[in-house]
Amino acid sequence: MTNPDSTQNKMEKITALCKRRGFVFAGSEIYGGFVGSFDYGPYGVELANNIKAAWWEAMVQHERNIVGLDSAIVTHPKVWEASGHVGGFSDPMVECKECNTRSRADHLLEELDVFADEKMTIEEINTIFDANRDKLVCPKCGSKNFGVVRKFNLLAQTNLGNFSEDWSKEPAYLRGETCQGIYINFKNVLDTTRVKVPFGIAQIGKAFRNEIAPRQYIFRKREFEQMEMQMFVAPAEEMSVYDIWKAKRMQYYIDMGFKPENLRFHEHENLVFYAKAAFDIEYNFPFGFKELEGVHARGNYDLTQHQTFSGVSMEYTDPYTNEKYIPHVVETSVGLDRTFLAVMTEFYDEDTIGEESRIVLRLPKKLAPIKVAVFPLLRNRPELVQKAEEVFALVSKEMRAEFDDNGNVGKRYRRQDEIGTPHCVTIDFDTLGENPELLDTVTVRNRDTGAQERIAIAELVNYLK
């Protein structure tokens, strides 16, 4: 096995593979694209669904006290007033006076290894920006002629349910994060299930942010998907539960097959005023270590805010002690799109089998878009094709399979290697009984090693599982 360059060269290889093999397409490509928008193609949607299924299995199926939710994308506008998004959900934006390109000021500073944070005041960011103006250049035209840094709200407005033709009246928003739908359903879940604090609510869903300058492929999008879990705990237990989930979430990636050296914790230097602790799990993307997942101790701010704005009590009564309190929250939040890119980065490989080089995705089996590909040795021999179709019908009832009879078998192997298919099954003349001892057996080829072995069709499904 060889290690491809962990540089921009690798990023180019990954994006080329994603386009060529139907993992990711540029959004609205036939119209010239739409910045910050991408579509998942036939193999991409399979991989994305498998990532979501793996997360759900770990967070809901394997946990006794976590339940699921799918809340609405568009909610009452007061939800976003209560959460602070209407007044304070913003990024620092600066405009080039020469070409009018708008950029995130903290990202421009980051290119110089100068730290700035969106949680800083606009005065603090302007001070840092002014101190570095002579070194900062516009990413489009190269000018150093910038305006002042100002805050830009990231909430995306919608006129859904607004028939006044005036967006300033009855404003509604596409959700900026999925967790608010969890908080406003806290009482509903508590009243309709048998959960007791501590318990969690997990959700996978779309969120929208009017990003100033989406960049780094699918790492930063305007329409993205989050996988979040909010754990509601007693105030005294918040930090101990936080430490448990911090360790669990890191171990999740290692168990999936990520190399430990490609993962690290990063502690937030500036906490929002209500938070007690916040760590990011960072992954070593081709462009360096960046946030993959956040684990946060949020206190009781969220439920308190919704209690204040709605007038509905969020108090919980402990059934054993009768103590009343507003639960505190421990949050784990990860982006599907960032996980997708991390998976493609981690398991992309180039090696040589025999004298032939290849690209191979060494995906864990549970994530592979296609679990098995079935080949007739020759497409112009009806008896081989018929038998291959029978084998395909058998395995496709149990797992995602693909039938391929196009080109020689070697080329078919390479196509399946590129999309991460763990096994390829070939139906040949021995399968039909040319060698009586091998009647009703098939050749199964291993993606990672290229090794082949004969397996009885009757045992094939169990073998593949």
Protein backbone atom coordinates (compact mmCIF):
# COMPACT_ATOMS: atom_id res chain seq x y z
CA MET A 1 0.00 0.00 0.00
CA THR A 2 1.22 3.49 -0.76
CA ASN A 3 0.20 6.77 0.82
CA PRO A 4 -0.96 9.41 -1.69
CA ASP A 5 0.26 12.95 -1.07
CA SER A 6 -1.66 14.56 1.79
CA THR A 7 -1.49 17.90 -0.05
CA GLN A 8 -3.67 19.89 -2.38
CA ASN A 9 -2.76 17.25 -4.96
CA LYS A 10 -4.75 14.73 -2.95
CA MET A 11 -7.71 17.11 -2.76
CA GLU A 12 -7.67 17.39 -6.53
CA LYS A 13 -7.57 13.60 -6.87
CA ILE A 14 -10.51 13.18 -4.50
CA THR A 15 -12.66 15.80 -6.22
CA ALA A 16 -11.83 14.31 -9.62
CA LEU A 17 -12.78 10.82 -8.42
CA CYS A 18 -16.02 12.14 -6.89
CA LYS A 19 -17.05 13.73 -10.19
CA ARG A 20 -15.85 10.90 -12.45
CA ARG A 21 -17.51 8.13 -10.48
CA GLY A 22 -20.73 9.89 -9.53
CA PHE A 23 -20.16 10.64 -5.87
CA VAL A 24 -20.51 14.44 -5.93
CA PHE A 25 -21.66 16.87 -8.61
CA ALA A 26 -21.51 20.67 -8.58
CA GLY A 27 -24.95 22.07 -7.81
CA SER A 28 -26.89 23.42 -10.82
CA GLU A 29 -23.90 22.55 -13.00
CA ILE A 30 -25.71 22.98 -16.34
CA TYR A 31 -26.36 26.61 -15.37
CA GLY A 32 -22.76 27.28 -14.45
CA GLY A 33 -23.06 26.11 -10.87
CA PHE A 34 -24.33 27.76 -7.69
CA VAL A 35 -21.73 28.69 -5.07
CA GLY A 36 -21.84 26.55 -1.94
CA SER A 37 -24.18 23.98 -3.49
CA PHE A 38 -23.41 20.35 -4.34
CA ASP A 39 -25.45 17.28 -5.29
CA TYR A 40 -24.70 13.70 -4.25
CA GLY A 41 -24.70 11.35 -7.23
CA PRO A 42 -25.68 7.65 -7.39
CA TYR A 43 -22.70 6.38 -5.36
CA GLY A 44 -22.53 9.52 -3.22
CA VAL A 45 -26.06 9.16 -1.95
CA GLU A 46 -25.38 5.52 -1.04
CA LEU A 47 -22.26 6.50 0.90
CA ALA A 48 -24.05 9.42 2.58
CA ASN A 49 -26.95 7.17 3.61
CA ASN A 50 -24.50 4.62 5.02
CA ILE A 51 -22.71 7.33 7.02
CA LYS A 52 -26.04 8.44 8.47
CA ALA A 53 -27.02 4.84 9.25
CA ALA A 54 -23.70 4.21 11.03
CA TRP A 55 -24.15 7.38 13.11
CA TRP A 56 -27.75 6.50 13.97
CA GLU A 57 -26.73 2.97 14.94
CA ALA A 58 -24.05 4.30 17.31
CA MET A 59 -26.15 7.11 18.79
CA VAL A 60 -29.62 5.57 19.03
CA GLN A 61 -29.54 1.81 18.51
CA HIS A 62 -26.58 1.19 20.82
CA GLU A 63 -27.74 3.58 23.55
CA ARG A 64 -30.50 2.84 26.05
CA ASN A 65 -31.52 6.42 26.71
CA ILE A 66 -31.40 8.21 23.34
CA VAL A 67 -34.42 8.56 21.06
CA GLY A 68 -34.83 10.03 17.58
CA LEU A 69 -36.59 13.05 16.15
CA ASP A 70 -37.19 14.67 12.77
CA SER A 71 -38.27 18.26 13.35
CA ALA A 72 -39.49 20.81 10.80
CA ILE A 73 -37.02 22.85 8.77
CA VAL A 74 -39.16 26.00 9.00
CA THR A 75 -40.38 26.88 12.50
CA HIS A 76 -42.04 29.78 14.29
CA PRO A 77 -39.77 32.85 13.92
CA LYS A 78 -39.62 33.27 17.71
CA VAL A 79 -37.58 30.07 17.88
CA TRP A 80 -34.71 31.96 16.30
CA GLU A 81 -35.24 35.04 18.43
CA ALA A 82 -35.06 32.88 21.55
CA SER A 83 -31.95 31.06 20.34
CA GLY A 84 -30.14 34.32 19.65
CA HIS A 85 -29.77 33.68 15.94
CA VAL A 86 -31.80 36.70 14.79
CA GLY A 87 -29.69 39.09 16.82
CA GLY A 88 -26.31 37.42 16.98
CA PHE A 89 -25.82 34.64 14.41
CA SER A 90 -23.23 36.29 12.23
CA ASP A 91 -19.78 36.06 10.68
CA PRO A 92 -17.27 38.89 10.18
CA MET A 93 -17.51 40.06 6.56
CA VAL A 94 -15.17 42.39 4.71
CA GLU A 95 -15.51 43.69 1.15
CA CYS A 96 -12.78 44.39 -1.38
CA LYS A 97 -13.19 47.96 -2.63
CA GLU A 98 -11.68 47.11 -6.01
CA CYS A 99 -13.72 44.09 -7.14
CA ASN A 100 -16.48 44.02 -4.46
CA THR A 101 -15.67 40.43 -3.49
CA ARG A 102 -16.95 39.65 0.00
CA SER A 103 -14.80 37.47 2.25
CA ARG A 104 -14.81 36.27 5.81
CA ALA A 105 -12.31 38.39 7.70
CA ASP A 106 -11.35 35.54 10.06
CA HIS A 107 -10.59 33.28 7.08
CA LEU A 108 -8.34 35.90 5.47
CA LEU A 109 -6.49 36.26 8.77
CA GLU A 110 -6.27 32.49 9.09
CA GLU A 111 -4.25 32.40 5.87
CA LEU A 112 -1.63 34.44 7.74
CA ASP A 113 -1.86 32.16 10.80
CA VAL A 114 -3.46 35.03 12.70
CA PHE A 115 -6.28 33.93 14.99
CA ALA A 116 -9.67 35.61 14.96
CA ASP A 117 -12.97 34.13 16.03
CA GLU A 118 -16.55 34.88 15.02
CA LYS A 119 -17.41 35.01 18.74
CA MET A 120 -15.17 38.06 19.17
CA THR A 121 -16.75 41.51 19.09
CA ILE A 122 -16.66 43.34 15.77
CA GLU A 123 -14.35 45.92 17.39
CA GLU A 124 -11.86 43.21 18.39
CA ILE A 125 -11.85 41.71 14.90
CA ASN A 126 -11.41 45.11 13.26
CA THR A 127 -8.43 45.81 15.51
CA ILE A 128 -6.76 42.53 14.47
CA PHE A 129 -7.68 43.09 10.81
CA ASP A 130 -6.29 46.64 10.81
CA ALA A 131 -3.02 45.42 12.31
CA ASN A 132 -2.59 43.04 9.36
CA ARG A 133 -4.01 45.08 6.45
CA ASP A 134 -0.62 45.45 4.78
CA LYS A 135 -0.37 41.65 4.44
CA LEU A 136 -3.99 40.80 3.57
CA VAL A 137 -4.94 40.40 -0.10
CA CYS A 138 -8.25 39.86 -1.87
CA PRO A 139 -8.52 36.20 -2.96
CA LYS A 140 -10.04 37.28 -6.29
CA CYS A 141 -8.13 40.34 -7.52
CA GLY A 142 -5.11 40.50 -5.19
CA SER A 143 -5.88 44.02 -3.98
CA LYS A 144 -5.19 45.15 -0.41
CA ASN A 145 -7.94 47.74 -0.48
CA PHE A 146 -10.52 46.43 2.01
CA GLY A 147 -13.37 48.16 3.75
CA VAL A 148 -14.15 47.80 7.45
CA VAL A 149 -15.15 44.45 8.89
CA ARG A 150 -18.84 44.16 9.73
CA LYS A 151 -21.12 41.48 11.03
CA PHE A 152 -23.28 39.59 8.52
CA ASN A 153 -26.21 37.53 9.77
CA LEU A 154 -26.18 33.96 8.43
CA LEU A 155 -29.86 33.12 8.83
CA ALA A 156 -31.55 32.56 5.47
CA GLN A 157 -35.01 34.11 5.24
CA THR A 158 -37.95 32.47 3.48
CA ASN A 159 -41.42 33.70 2.60
CA LEU A 160 -42.98 30.33 3.46
CA GLY A 161 -46.35 31.15 5.03
CA ASN A 162 -45.92 34.88 4.35
CA PHE A 163 -48.52 36.16 1.87
CA SER A 164 -47.95 39.88 2.44
CA GLU A 165 -45.26 40.23 -0.24
CA ASP A 166 -43.26 42.09 2.40
CA TRP A 167 -40.45 40.04 3.89
CA SER A 168 -40.09 42.46 6.79
CA LYS A 169 -43.49 41.29 8.04
CA GLU A 170 -43.99 37.88 9.62
CA PRO A 171 -40.37 36.83 8.90
CA ALA A 172 -39.59 33.15 8.69
CA TYR A 173 -36.22 31.45 8.43
CA LEU A 174 -34.67 28.27 7.14
CA ARG A 175 -33.17 26.70 10.22
CA GLY A 176 -29.57 27.60 10.89
CA GLU A 177 -29.02 24.45 12.95
CA THR A 178 -31.05 21.35 13.76
CA CYS A 179 -30.72 21.44 17.55
CA GLN A 180 -33.39 24.12 18.10
CA GLY A 181 -36.01 21.65 16.84
CA ILE A 182 -34.82 19.30 19.56
CA TYR A 183 -35.08 21.91 22.32
CA ILE A 184 -38.61 22.98 21.43
CA ASN A 185 -39.69 19.31 21.44
CA PHE A 186 -38.04 18.53 24.79
CA LYS A 187 -41.37 18.46 26.64
CA ASN A 188 -43.13 16.52 23.87
CA VAL A 189 -40.55 13.73 23.98
CA LEU A 190 -40.56 13.71 27.78
CA ASP A 191 -44.37 13.47 27.92
CA THR A 192 -44.81 10.81 25.22
CA THR A 193 -41.99 8.37 25.97
CA ARG A 194 -40.62 6.61 29.04
CA VAL A 195 -37.34 8.54 29.07
CA LYS A 196 -36.04 10.16 32.24
CA VAL A 197 -33.15 12.55 32.71
CA PRO A 198 -30.45 11.85 31.69
CA PHE A 199 -31.70 11.17 28.17
CA GLY A 200 -30.81 12.28 24.68
CA ILE A 201 -32.58 13.23 21.47
CA ALA A 202 -30.82 12.55 18.16
CA GLN A 203 -31.63 14.08 14.80
CA ILE A 204 -30.30 14.11 11.26
CA GLY A 205 -31.44 16.93 9.01
CA LYS A 206 -30.74 19.82 6.67
CA ALA A 207 -29.61 23.22 7.92
CA PHE A 208 -28.92 26.43 6.02
CA ARG A 209 -26.43 29.24 6.50
CA ASN A 210 -25.91 32.19 4.21
CA GLU A 211 -22.16 31.62 4.17
CA ILE A 212 -20.19 34.64 2.98
CA ALA A 213 -17.53 32.63 1.17
CA PRO A 214 -18.17 28.87 0.93
CA ARG A 215 -14.90 27.08 0.24
CA GLN A 216 -12.93 23.87 0.42
CA TYR A 217 -15.35 21.80 -1.66
CA ILE A 218 -18.13 20.21 0.42
CA PHE A 219 -16.43 21.17 3.71
CA ARG A 220 -18.33 24.47 3.90
CA LYS A 221 -21.72 24.64 2.19
CA ARG A 222 -24.76 26.88 2.38
CA GLU A 223 -27.13 23.92 2.48
CA PHE A 224 -25.74 21.09 4.57
CA GLU A 225 -26.81 18.19 6.74
CA GLN A 226 -26.18 17.84 10.46
CA MET A 227 -26.14 14.81 12.72
CA GLU A 228 -26.75 16.07 16.25
CA MET A 229 -27.50 14.64 19.67
CA GLN A 230 -28.60 16.70 22.65
CA MET A 231 -28.26 14.96 26.02
CA PHE A 232 -30.41 16.44 28.81
CA VAL A 233 -28.76 16.00 32.20
CA ALA A 234 -29.01 17.12 35.82
CA PRO A 235 -26.92 20.25 36.47
CA ALA A 236 -24.46 18.44 38.74
CA GLU A 237 -23.83 15.73 36.14
CA GLU A 238 -23.17 17.95 33.12
CA MET A 239 -19.37 17.82 33.11
CA SER A 240 -19.08 14.11 33.87
CA VAL A 241 -21.51 13.30 31.05
CA TYR A 242 -19.59 15.71 28.83
CA ASP A 243 -16.33 13.86 29.44
CA ILE A 244 -18.01 10.54 28.62
CA TRP A 245 -19.33 11.78 25.28
CA LYS A 246 -16.11 13.50 24.37
CA ALA A 247 -14.32 10.15 24.68
CA LYS A 248 -17.13 8.21 22.96
CA ARG A 249 -17.18 10.40 19.91
CA MET A 250 -13.44 10.20 19.38
CA GLN A 251 -13.53 6.41 19.75
CA TYR A 252 -16.34 6.25 17.18
CA TYR A 253 -14.01 7.37 14.40
CA ILE A 254 -11.19 5.10 15.50
CA ASP A 255 -13.57 2.12 15.59
CA MET A 256 -14.67 3.01 12.06
CA GLY A 257 -11.09 2.68 10.86
CA PHE A 258 -9.71 6.21 10.97
CA LYS A 259 -6.03 6.44 11.88
CA PRO A 260 -5.61 8.00 15.35
CA GLU A 261 -2.87 10.30 14.05
CA ASN A 262 -5.40 11.90 11.68
CA LEU A 263 -7.65 12.92 14.59
CA ARG A 264 -7.12 15.33 17.45
CA PHE A 265 -9.02 17.38 20.02
CA HIS A 266 -8.99 21.16 19.83
CA GLU A 267 -10.28 23.19 22.75
CA HIS A 268 -12.23 26.35 21.93
CA GLU A 269 -10.26 29.42 22.92
CA ASN A 270 -13.34 31.65 23.12
CA LEU A 271 -16.48 30.15 24.63
CA VAL A 272 -19.91 31.62 24.14
CA PHE A 273 -21.06 33.13 27.40
CA TYR A 274 -23.37 30.28 28.41
CA ALA A 275 -21.04 27.36 27.63
CA LYS A 276 -18.95 25.53 30.19
CA ALA A 277 -16.70 23.64 27.77
CA ALA A 278 -16.32 23.07 24.05
CA PHE A 279 -13.95 20.79 22.17
CA ASP A 280 -13.75 20.07 18.46
CA ILE A 281 -12.70 16.73 17.05
CA GLU A 282 -10.48 17.81 14.18
CA TYR A 283 -9.56 15.66 11.18
CA ASN A 284 -6.49 16.01 8.99
CA PHE A 285 -8.17 16.98 5.72
CA PRO A 286 -5.99 17.56 2.63
CA PHE A 287 -6.00 21.26 3.61
CA GLY A 288 -4.97 20.57 7.22
CA PHE A 289 -6.62 19.84 10.55
CA LYS A 290 -10.13 21.29 10.61
CA GLU A 291 -13.28 20.79 12.68
CA LEU A 292 -15.14 17.57 12.00
CA GLU A 293 -17.36 17.39 15.09
CA GLY A 294 -18.10 19.56 18.09
CA VAL A 295 -18.77 18.34 21.63
CA HIS A 296 -20.21 21.06 23.86
CA ALA A 297 -21.41 21.56 27.43
CA ARG A 298 -24.14 24.16 26.90
CA GLY A 299 -25.59 24.61 30.39
CA ASN A 300 -29.34 25.29 30.59
CA TYR A 301 -29.29 28.34 28.30
CA ASP A 302 -31.27 26.80 25.44
CA LEU A 303 -34.22 25.50 27.44
CA THR A 304 -34.25 28.63 29.59
CA GLN A 305 -34.46 30.85 26.52
CA HIS A 306 -37.35 28.89 25.04
CA GLN A 307 -39.12 28.90 28.41
CA THR A 308 -38.77 32.70 28.56
CA PHE A 309 -39.90 33.37 24.98
CA SER A 310 -42.71 30.79 24.85
CA GLY A 311 -44.02 31.01 28.41
CA VAL A 312 -43.99 27.20 28.60
CA SER A 313 -42.16 25.72 31.59
CA MET A 314 -39.12 23.59 30.75
CA GLU A 315 -38.66 22.47 34.34
CA TYR A 316 -38.08 18.80 35.03
CA THR A 317 -39.10 17.09 38.25
CA ASP A 318 -36.80 14.27 39.31
CA PRO A 319 -39.10 11.26 39.98
CA TYR A 320 -36.86 10.00 42.78
CA THR A 321 -35.91 13.18 44.67
CA ASN A 322 -38.69 15.57 43.54
CA GLU A 323 -35.98 18.12 42.78
CA LYS A 324 -37.03 20.64 40.13
CA TYR A 325 -34.57 22.08 37.62
CA ILE A 326 -34.15 23.05 34.01
CA PRO A 327 -31.90 20.34 32.53
CA HIS A 328 -28.45 21.19 31.23
CA VAL A 329 -27.39 20.07 27.75
CA VAL A 330 -24.41 18.12 26.44
CA GLU A 331 -24.28 18.31 22.66
CA THR A 332 -22.50 16.34 19.98
CA SER A 333 -22.77 17.86 16.51
CA VAL A 334 -21.19 16.66 13.28
CA GLY A 335 -21.75 17.54 9.64
CA LEU A 336 -22.63 14.78 7.20
CA ASP A 337 -20.79 16.58 4.40
CA ARG A 338 -17.62 16.97 6.43
CA THR A 339 -17.80 13.33 7.47
CA PHE A 340 -18.23 12.38 3.81
CA LEU A 341 -15.11 14.34 2.87
CA ALA A 342 -13.18 12.88 5.81
CA VAL A 343 -14.18 9.35 4.75
CA MET A 344 -13.09 9.96 1.16
CA THR A 345 -9.79 11.40 2.40
CA GLU A 346 -9.08 8.67 4.95
CA PHE A 347 -9.81 5.68 2.74
CA TYR A 348 -8.53 6.94 -0.63
CA ASP A 349 -5.46 5.00 -1.69
CA GLU A 350 -3.30 4.23 -4.69
CA ASP A 351 -1.33 1.01 -5.05
CA THR A 352 -0.20 -1.61 -7.54
CA ILE A 353 -1.55 -5.12 -8.08
CA GLY A 354 0.78 -7.13 -10.24
CA GLU A 355 2.17 -4.51 -12.58
CA GLU A 356 -1.01 -2.47 -12.77
CA SER A 357 -1.58 0.68 -10.70
CA ARG A 358 -5.02 1.47 -9.40
CA ILE A 359 -7.08 3.85 -7.28
CA VAL A 360 -8.90 2.10 -4.48
CA LEU A 361 -11.28 3.29 -1.77
CA ARG A 362 -10.61 1.07 1.24
CA LEU A 363 -13.98 1.86 2.77
CA PRO A 364 -15.25 -0.04 5.81
CA LYS A 365 -17.83 -2.54 4.56
CA LYS A 366 -20.68 -0.83 6.38
CA LEU A 367 -19.95 2.41 4.50
CA ALA A 368 -19.29 0.99 1.02
CA PRO A 369 -21.95 2.20 -1.48
CA ILE A 370 -21.98 -1.21 -3.18
CA LYS A 371 -21.28 -4.29 -1.05
CA VAL A 372 -20.78 -6.75 -3.90
CA ALA A 373 -20.55 -6.64 -7.69
CA VAL A 374 -21.63 -9.64 -9.78
CA PHE A 375 -19.97 -10.35 -13.15
CA PRO A 376 -20.65 -12.91 -15.87
CA LEU A 377 -17.23 -13.78 -17.27
CA LEU A 378 -18.46 -13.02 -20.81
CA ARG A 379 -21.49 -10.93 -21.77
CA ASN A 380 -22.02 -12.78 -25.09
CA ARG A 381 -22.60 -16.18 -23.48
CA PRO A 382 -26.28 -16.35 -22.46
CA GLU A 383 -25.73 -19.25 -20.06
CA LEU A 384 -23.17 -17.21 -18.07
CA VAL A 385 -25.35 -14.11 -18.08
CA GLN A 386 -28.40 -16.06 -16.93
CA LYS A 387 -26.50 -17.64 -14.05
CA ALA A 388 -25.01 -14.27 -13.07
CA GLU A 389 -28.48 -12.76 -13.00
CA GLU A 390 -29.61 -15.55 -10.67
CA VAL A 391 -26.68 -14.88 -8.34
CA PHE A 392 -27.37 -11.14 -8.46
CA ALA A 393 -31.02 -11.72 -7.53
CA LEU A 394 -29.85 -13.85 -4.59
CA VAL A 395 -27.39 -11.37 -3.08
CA SER A 396 -29.32 -8.19 -3.88
CA LYS A 397 -32.10 -9.30 -1.53
CA GLU A 398 -29.60 -9.08 1.33
CA MET A 399 -27.33 -6.16 0.43
CA ARG A 400 -26.72 -3.38 -2.10
CA ALA A 401 -25.30 -5.11 -5.16
CA GLU A 402 -24.39 -4.17 -8.71
CA PHE A 403 -24.48 -6.20 -11.94
CA ASP A 404 -21.69 -5.43 -14.41
CA ASP A 405 -20.99 -7.17 -17.72
CA ASN A 406 -19.26 -4.29 -19.54
CA GLY A 407 -15.63 -4.78 -20.60
CA ASN A 408 -13.08 -7.33 -19.49
CA VAL A 409 -13.08 -8.52 -15.90
CA GLY A 410 -9.90 -6.61 -15.03
CA LYS A 411 -11.48 -3.30 -16.00
CA ARG A 412 -14.57 -4.18 -14.03
CA TYR A 413 -12.41 -4.84 -10.97
CA ARG A 414 -10.81 -1.41 -11.31
CA ARG A 415 -14.18 0.31 -11.55
CA GLN A 416 -15.36 -1.40 -8.39
CA ASP A 417 -12.08 -0.65 -6.58
CA GLU A 418 -12.60 3.06 -7.27
CA ILE A 419 -16.01 3.09 -5.60
CA GLY A 420 -14.91 0.91 -2.67
CA THR A 421 -16.80 -2.33 -3.39
CA PRO A 422 -15.40 -4.93 -0.93
CA HIS A 423 -16.05 -8.03 -3.10
CA CYS A 424 -16.54 -8.94 -6.74
CA VAL A 425 -18.19 -12.23 -7.71
CA THR A 426 -17.45 -13.75 -11.13
CA ILE A 427 -19.57 -16.46 -12.75
CA ASP A 428 -17.40 -18.51 -15.09
CA PHE A 429 -17.61 -21.84 -16.94
CA ASP A 430 -16.60 -23.76 -13.80
CA THR A 431 -19.74 -22.34 -12.17
CA LEU A 432 -21.73 -24.11 -14.90
CA GLY A 433 -19.93 -27.41 -14.30
CA GLU A 434 -17.12 -27.42 -16.85
CA ASN A 435 -15.09 -28.69 -13.91
CA PRO A 436 -17.66 -30.90 -12.13
CA GLU A 437 -15.96 -30.37 -8.76
CA LEU A 438 -16.61 -26.61 -9.02
CA LEU A 439 -20.25 -26.77 -10.15
CA ASP A 440 -22.32 -23.98 -8.55
CA THR A 441 -19.29 -22.21 -7.12
CA VAL A 442 -18.14 -18.68 -7.96
CA THR A 443 -14.90 -16.73 -7.78
CA VAL A 444 -14.94 -14.09 -5.03
CA ARG A 445 -12.28 -11.41 -5.26
CA ASN A 446 -11.19 -9.28 -2.29
CA ARG A 447 -10.89 -5.54 -2.96
CA ASP A 448 -8.00 -4.81 -0.61
CA THR A 449 -5.69 -7.71 -1.47
CA GLY A 450 -6.87 -8.80 -4.92
CA ALA A 451 -6.95 -12.39 -3.60
CA GLN A 452 -9.56 -14.76 -5.07
CA GLU A 453 -11.24 -17.89 -3.74
CA ARG A 454 -14.01 -20.27 -4.80
CA ILE A 455 -17.19 -20.12 -2.77
CA ALA A 456 -20.32 -22.23 -3.15
CA ILE A 457 -23.30 -20.17 -4.26
CA ALA A 458 -25.28 -21.69 -1.39
CA GLU A 459 -22.76 -20.18 1.06
CA LEU A 460 -22.22 -16.88 -0.77
CA VAL A 461 -24.57 -14.62 1.19
CA ASN A 462 -23.24 -15.76 4.55
CA TYR A 463 -19.68 -15.38 3.30
CA LEU A 464 -20.30 -11.83 2.11
CA LYS A 465 -22.02 -10.89 5.34
